Amino acid sequence: MSHRPSISSCASNTGRKRRLAPMRHDPPDLNRLRKCRSLEWVHDTNNDSDDESHGRMIIRVGQDLAIYPLDERAVQMKDGSLPMMSYWYGKVAQISLDTSQDVQNVWLKIQWYYRKIDLEDEGVDLAACIGEYELVLNHATILPYDEDDLTQPRIPTRTLYNRWTIEIKFSKSTSLAEEVHISNAQAASSCGCRRCDPGFSSPTNIQRYCKKCQKWFDEKCVAALGRRMNKNVKAGLSPIYRDIYFEPQFLSLLTVPIRRGGSCGVVGNGLLLMQTDVLMDEAKMLGRLPEGWQDEIDQALLPKEDEIIPRYYCLTCTGVVI
């Protein structure tokens, strides 16, 4: 039978700063302790509530946590909370119960998410390619970001997400980083030009996608190395659609460039490809676009009406406009 330990803690308030009681001693050998899948934490709260669950939290293995930091740079706001990126973030890797003493102690083994500021503190070059709300998992709720998945829903602003994995080996004598191993197995993280740094893509840089070669290119590389198209882009349809009438408004969607990063958002508008493909499949069966097809298109994926986006030919596909 699974056993869920329950612990109680009381936080003191000094100068409107919340502080927990300090740890009494160093952690024991966690491998020798009893393992638990979840933990009930009962804590005090300043809010009066009749809800029995108020002041109680169930913490489970694999769960992502925001942790109040021991960091002088973390400045509280008026309500006592912290700005989103001032918290520490971690994933619960293990919950261990120590029953060897009169008072039972519970230990959490945390797999840390590194923020941009943490990477800068350790001198890791990856910091230059990290978005404002991006976290790097050490060794994802935090939203996972799959760069290869064009159909991934947009990640809202001020939302934490993860795509990188990092392992840092610290020196036992100096506590400084000795070895840093960074990995991101997603091929889409590389710029398709193969001339700039191929290993990193930053969500602060705008990229474009080629539907034919299925590669992403930094817009700066496209503008510097590519050939600009100086006329309007027209939708090219397969002959199987020659007897189907498509409204001009829909055809214009087929020419919208697929972009991500910077002002286009972390994920970008790749989902538009899937939405238009689904509608074209329905048109093939019905002989026309379905009624109310406009409701199937996420308007947030479209460029602003007054936005002028220069178009270029793909750097690797002859004659394909991106």
Protein backbone atom coordinates (compact mmCIF):
# COMPACT_ATOMS: atom_id res chain seq x y z
CA MET A 1 0.00 0.00 0.00
CA SER A 2 1.30 3.42 -0.90
CA HIS A 3 2.10 5.65 2.05
CA ARG A 4 1.72 9.42 1.77
CA PRO A 5 3.60 11.33 4.50
CA SER A 6 2.11 14.56 5.81
CA ILE A 7 4.24 17.42 7.12
CA SER A 8 3.35 20.73 8.73
CA SER A 9 5.29 23.97 8.54
CA CYS A 10 4.85 27.47 9.87
CA ALA A 11 6.25 30.49 8.07
CA SER A 12 7.18 33.64 9.97
CA ASN A 13 6.63 37.11 8.57
CA THR A 14 9.40 39.64 9.18
CA GLY A 15 9.09 42.98 7.45
CA ARG A 16 6.42 41.45 5.15
CA LYS A 17 8.95 38.81 4.04
CA ARG A 18 7.92 35.19 4.33
CA ARG A 19 10.56 32.97 5.88
CA LEU A 20 10.52 29.24 6.63
CA ALA A 21 12.36 27.64 9.52
CA PRO A 22 15.96 26.82 8.53
CA MET A 23 17.02 23.25 7.80
CA ARG A 24 18.32 21.63 10.99
CA HIS A 25 20.96 19.39 9.43
CA ASP A 26 22.34 18.10 6.17
CA PRO A 27 20.26 15.57 4.23
CA PRO A 28 20.96 11.86 4.84
CA ASP A 29 21.73 9.28 2.16
CA LEU A 30 18.43 9.43 0.26
CA ASN A 31 19.00 6.03 -1.34
CA ARG A 32 18.56 4.39 2.07
CA LEU A 33 15.26 6.08 2.87
CA ARG A 34 11.73 4.96 2.12
CA LYS A 35 10.44 6.22 -1.23
CA CYS A 36 7.02 7.85 -1.58
CA ARG A 37 5.05 8.86 -4.66
CA SER A 38 3.37 11.87 -3.06
CA LEU A 39 3.50 14.17 -0.05
CA GLU A 40 0.87 16.21 1.78
CA TRP A 41 2.16 19.59 2.94
CA VAL A 42 0.06 21.45 5.52
CA HIS A 43 1.09 25.07 5.84
CA ASP A 44 -0.22 28.23 7.46
CA THR A 45 -1.92 30.95 5.47
CA ASN A 46 -3.01 34.52 6.08
CA ASN A 47 -6.34 33.97 4.33
CA ASP A 48 -9.39 32.85 6.31
CA SER A 49 -11.28 30.13 4.49
CA ASP A 50 -13.72 27.36 5.34
CA ASP A 51 -12.29 25.24 2.53
CA GLU A 52 -10.61 22.16 4.08
CA SER A 53 -8.12 22.03 1.21
CA HIS A 54 -6.96 25.60 1.90
CA GLY A 55 -3.44 25.53 3.32
CA ARG A 56 -2.88 21.98 2.07
CA MET A 57 -0.86 20.94 -0.95
CA ILE A 58 -0.28 17.52 -2.48
CA ILE A 59 3.18 17.26 -4.04
CA ARG A 60 3.83 14.34 -6.40
CA VAL A 61 6.88 12.84 -8.07
CA GLY A 62 7.24 14.34 -11.56
CA GLN A 63 5.40 17.53 -10.60
CA ASP A 64 6.76 20.98 -11.48
CA LEU A 65 7.10 23.39 -8.56
CA ALA A 66 7.69 27.11 -8.13
CA ILE A 67 9.97 27.52 -5.10
CA TYR A 68 10.42 30.66 -3.02
CA PRO A 69 14.12 31.44 -3.44
CA LEU A 70 16.92 32.26 -1.03
CA ASP A 71 18.18 35.00 -3.31
CA GLU A 72 18.79 38.65 -2.42
CA ARG A 73 17.86 39.61 -5.99
CA ALA A 74 14.30 38.36 -5.43
CA VAL A 75 12.36 41.51 -4.48
CA GLN A 76 8.82 41.05 -3.23
CA MET A 77 5.89 42.89 -4.70
CA LYS A 78 3.28 44.66 -2.57
CA ASP A 79 1.18 41.51 -2.12
CA GLY A 80 4.19 39.51 -0.89
CA SER A 81 4.59 37.53 -4.09
CA LEU A 82 7.50 37.68 -6.50
CA PRO A 83 7.76 38.44 -10.22
CA MET A 84 7.36 35.21 -12.19
CA MET A 85 11.03 34.82 -13.12
CA SER A 86 12.25 35.51 -9.56
CA TYR A 87 11.06 32.12 -8.31
CA TRP A 88 13.18 28.99 -8.52
CA TYR A 89 11.60 26.20 -10.57
CA GLY A 90 12.16 22.48 -10.28
CA LYS A 91 10.69 19.06 -11.02
CA VAL A 92 10.23 16.63 -8.11
CA ALA A 93 12.51 13.70 -8.93
CA GLN A 94 12.18 11.80 -5.65
CA ILE A 95 10.34 11.96 -2.31
CA SER A 96 12.08 10.21 0.60
CA LEU A 97 10.75 9.56 4.11
CA ASP A 98 13.13 9.30 7.09
CA THR A 99 11.49 7.32 9.92
CA SER A 100 14.67 6.71 11.93
CA GLN A 101 13.94 9.51 14.43
CA ASP A 102 11.05 10.48 16.67
CA VAL A 103 10.12 13.24 14.21
CA GLN A 104 9.66 12.04 10.65
CA ASN A 105 11.51 14.05 8.03
CA VAL A 106 10.64 14.19 4.35
CA TRP A 107 13.24 15.04 1.72
CA LEU A 108 12.60 16.15 -1.84
CA LYS A 109 15.16 15.58 -4.56
CA ILE A 110 14.69 18.37 -7.09
CA GLN A 111 15.71 18.40 -10.73
CA TRP A 112 16.23 22.10 -11.37
CA TYR A 113 15.08 24.27 -14.20
CA TYR A 114 17.69 26.93 -14.98
CA ARG A 115 16.52 30.44 -15.74
CA LYS A 116 18.41 32.78 -18.02
CA ILE A 117 19.91 34.54 -14.99
CA ASP A 118 21.12 31.20 -13.59
CA LEU A 119 22.92 30.36 -16.83
CA GLU A 120 24.51 33.81 -16.84
CA ASP A 121 25.69 33.24 -13.25
CA GLU A 122 27.40 30.01 -14.35
CA GLY A 123 28.87 31.60 -17.48
CA VAL A 124 26.96 29.27 -19.84
CA ASP A 125 26.88 30.63 -23.41
CA LEU A 126 23.36 29.26 -23.95
CA ALA A 127 21.99 32.23 -21.98
CA ALA A 128 22.11 34.34 -25.15
CA CYS A 129 19.62 31.97 -26.84
CA ILE A 130 17.08 31.73 -24.00
CA GLY A 131 13.71 33.48 -24.15
CA GLU A 132 12.43 35.72 -21.39
CA TYR A 133 10.17 33.02 -19.94
CA GLU A 134 12.14 29.97 -21.08
CA LEU A 135 13.53 27.44 -18.59
CA VAL A 136 16.30 24.89 -19.16
CA LEU A 137 15.79 21.54 -17.45
CA ASN A 138 18.79 20.27 -15.52
CA HIS A 139 19.99 16.56 -16.43
CA ALA A 140 8.10 19.50 -18.43
CA THR A 141 2.88 22.58 -15.40
CA ILE A 142 6.02 23.92 -17.41
CA LEU A 143 4.97 23.74 -21.06
CA PRO A 144 7.16 21.56 -23.29
CA TYR A 145 8.10 23.26 -26.55
CA ASP A 146 8.64 20.92 -29.49
CA GLU A 147 10.22 22.97 -32.27
CA ASP A 148 9.56 20.18 -34.80
CA ASP A 149 5.80 20.24 -34.23
CA LEU A 150 4.20 22.85 -36.48
CA THR A 151 0.77 22.00 -35.05
CA GLN A 152 1.74 22.88 -31.49
CA PRO A 153 -0.67 25.45 -30.02
CA ARG A 154 0.69 28.91 -29.34
CA ILE A 155 2.45 29.47 -26.02
CA PRO A 156 0.80 32.51 -24.41
CA THR A 157 2.94 35.43 -23.27
CA ARG A 158 4.30 35.25 -19.70
CA THR A 159 4.06 31.45 -19.79
CA LEU A 160 6.94 29.21 -18.72
CA TYR A 161 8.16 26.66 -21.24
CA ASN A 162 11.08 24.27 -21.74
CA ARG A 163 12.99 22.88 -24.74
CA TRP A 164 16.63 22.48 -23.60
CA THR A 165 18.32 19.99 -21.28
CA ILE A 166 21.52 20.87 -19.44
CA GLU A 167 23.89 18.96 -17.16
CA ILE A 168 26.34 20.96 -15.05
CA LYS A 169 29.15 19.34 -13.07
CA PHE A 170 30.33 21.50 -10.18
CA SER A 171 33.73 21.46 -8.52
CA LYS A 172 33.59 20.05 -4.97
CA SER A 173 36.28 22.46 -3.79
CA THR A 174 35.19 25.74 -5.39
CA SER A 175 31.48 25.07 -6.17
CA LEU A 176 32.13 26.51 -9.63
CA ALA A 177 30.94 24.88 -12.84
CA GLU A 178 33.57 22.52 -14.27
CA GLU A 179 31.68 20.88 -17.13
CA VAL A 180 28.55 21.97 -19.00
CA HIS A 181 26.69 19.66 -21.38
CA ILE A 182 23.80 21.18 -23.35
CA SER A 183 21.44 19.18 -25.53
CA ASN A 184 18.47 19.87 -27.75
CA ALA A 185 17.76 16.94 -30.05
CA GLN A 186 15.24 18.91 -32.11
CA ALA A 187 16.62 19.40 -35.60
CA ALA A 188 14.41 22.43 -36.11
CA SER A 189 16.60 24.41 -33.72
CA SER A 190 19.17 24.89 -36.49
CA CYS A 191 19.07 27.63 -39.11
CA GLY A 192 18.80 26.02 -42.55
CA CYS A 193 21.35 28.37 -44.12
CA ARG A 194 24.21 26.33 -42.57
CA ARG A 195 26.36 29.48 -42.49
CA CYS A 196 25.46 30.92 -39.10
CA ASP A 197 25.76 29.06 -35.78
CA PRO A 198 23.80 25.86 -36.55
CA GLY A 199 23.39 24.73 -32.97
CA PHE A 200 21.25 27.47 -31.49
CA SER A 201 18.05 29.29 -32.26
CA SER A 202 16.77 32.05 -30.03
CA PRO A 203 13.05 32.81 -29.62
CA THR A 204 14.04 36.48 -29.82
CA ASN A 205 15.02 35.99 -33.49
CA ILE A 206 12.32 35.81 -36.16
CA GLN A 207 12.55 32.71 -38.37
CA ARG A 208 10.76 31.61 -41.55
CA TYR A 209 9.67 28.14 -42.57
CA CYS A 210 9.87 26.55 -46.02
CA LYS A 211 7.01 24.14 -46.67
CA LYS A 212 9.01 22.26 -49.32
CA CYS A 213 12.34 21.53 -47.60
CA GLN A 214 10.73 21.80 -44.14
CA LYS A 215 13.54 23.92 -42.74
CA TRP A 216 13.58 27.05 -40.60
CA PHE A 217 15.73 30.05 -41.56
CA ASP A 218 16.62 33.13 -39.53
CA GLU A 219 15.08 36.17 -41.24
CA LYS A 220 18.42 37.98 -41.04
CA CYS A 221 20.05 35.16 -43.02
CA VAL A 222 17.21 35.11 -45.56
CA ALA A 223 17.45 38.88 -46.07
CA ALA A 224 21.25 38.80 -46.36
CA LEU A 225 21.66 35.68 -48.50
CA GLY A 226 18.32 35.24 -50.27
CA ARG A 227 16.72 36.77 -53.35
CA ARG A 228 13.82 39.09 -52.66
CA MET A 229 10.52 38.67 -54.49
CA ASN A 230 9.23 42.01 -55.72
CA LYS A 231 5.70 41.00 -56.72
CA ASN A 232 2.65 39.64 -54.93
CA VAL A 233 2.64 35.96 -53.98
CA LYS A 234 -0.15 33.87 -55.52
CA ALA A 235 -1.48 30.61 -54.11
CA GLY A 236 -0.51 27.60 -56.21
CA LEU A 237 -3.17 24.88 -56.14
CA SER A 238 -2.88 21.27 -57.26
CA PRO A 239 -4.97 20.26 -60.34
CA ILE A 240 -7.19 18.13 -58.07
CA TYR A 241 -8.73 21.39 -56.84
CA ARG A 242 -9.46 22.89 -60.29
CA ASP A 243 -13.23 22.30 -60.03
CA ILE A 244 -13.51 23.74 -56.51
CA TYR A 245 -14.19 27.41 -55.87
CA PHE A 246 -12.04 28.91 -53.13
CA GLU A 247 -12.87 32.36 -51.85
CA PRO A 248 -10.12 34.97 -52.32
CA GLN A 249 -9.97 35.41 -48.54
CA PHE A 250 -9.06 31.71 -48.15
CA LEU A 251 -6.53 31.77 -50.98
CA SER A 252 -4.76 34.66 -49.26
CA LEU A 253 -4.25 32.41 -46.22
CA LEU A 254 -2.25 29.99 -48.35
CA THR A 255 0.30 32.72 -49.07
CA VAL A 256 0.85 33.83 -45.45
CA PRO A 257 4.51 33.24 -44.50
CA ILE A 258 5.07 30.80 -41.64
CA ARG A 259 7.12 32.61 -39.01
CA ARG A 260 8.09 32.25 -35.38
CA GLY A 261 10.14 34.09 -32.76
CA GLY A 262 10.30 37.75 -31.78
CA SER A 263 7.00 39.57 -32.34
CA CYS A 264 5.56 36.36 -33.90
CA GLY A 265 5.64 34.55 -30.56
CA VAL A 266 7.72 31.56 -29.47
CA VAL A 267 5.77 28.95 -31.47
CA GLY A 268 4.67 31.23 -34.30
CA ASN A 269 1.85 30.57 -36.77
CA GLY A 270 2.77 27.09 -38.04
CA LEU A 271 -0.61 25.85 -36.83
CA LEU A 272 -2.11 27.79 -39.75
CA LEU A 273 -0.71 25.14 -42.14
CA MET A 274 -2.68 22.39 -40.42
CA GLN A 275 -5.89 24.43 -40.26
CA THR A 276 -5.83 25.27 -43.98
CA ASP A 277 -4.90 21.67 -44.92
CA VAL A 278 -7.91 20.36 -42.98
CA LEU A 279 -10.21 22.83 -44.73
CA MET A 280 -8.84 21.88 -48.17
CA ASP A 281 -9.47 18.18 -47.43
CA GLU A 282 -13.06 19.04 -46.49
CA ALA A 283 -13.44 21.09 -49.69
CA LYS A 284 -12.26 18.07 -51.69
CA MET A 285 -15.10 15.98 -50.22
CA LEU A 286 -17.80 18.67 -50.32
CA GLY A 287 -16.78 20.32 -53.58
CA ARG A 288 -16.55 23.62 -51.70
CA LEU A 289 -15.31 25.05 -48.45
CA PRO A 290 -17.52 24.18 -45.46
CA GLU A 291 -19.93 26.78 -44.14
CA GLY A 292 -18.36 29.02 -41.53
CA TRP A 293 -14.84 27.96 -42.44
CA GLN A 294 -13.55 31.30 -41.12
CA ASP A 295 -14.35 30.13 -37.58
CA GLU A 296 -11.82 27.30 -37.99
CA ILE A 297 -8.95 29.78 -38.43
CA ASP A 298 -7.23 31.20 -35.38
CA GLN A 299 -7.13 34.92 -36.21
CA ALA A 300 -4.17 35.40 -33.87
CA LEU A 301 -2.05 33.43 -36.36
CA LEU A 302 -2.53 36.00 -39.11
CA PRO A 303 -0.36 39.07 -39.72
CA LYS A 304 -1.70 42.47 -38.77
CA GLU A 305 -3.62 44.20 -41.56
CA ASP A 306 -1.09 47.02 -41.87
CA GLU A 307 1.94 44.75 -41.58
CA ILE A 308 4.15 44.58 -44.67
CA ILE A 309 6.26 41.43 -44.76
CA PRO A 310 8.97 41.28 -47.45
CA ARG A 311 9.07 37.92 -49.23
CA TYR A 312 12.16 35.98 -50.28
CA TYR A 313 12.98 32.79 -52.14
CA CYS A 314 14.10 29.85 -50.01
CA LEU A 315 17.87 29.55 -49.64
CA THR A 316 17.82 25.85 -50.58
CA CYS A 317 14.69 25.35 -52.72
CA THR A 318 14.78 27.02 -56.11
CA GLY A 319 11.66 29.07 -56.85
CA VAL A 320 9.92 28.50 -53.50
CA VAL A 321 8.81 31.67 -51.73
CA ILE A 322 8.97 31.84 -47.93
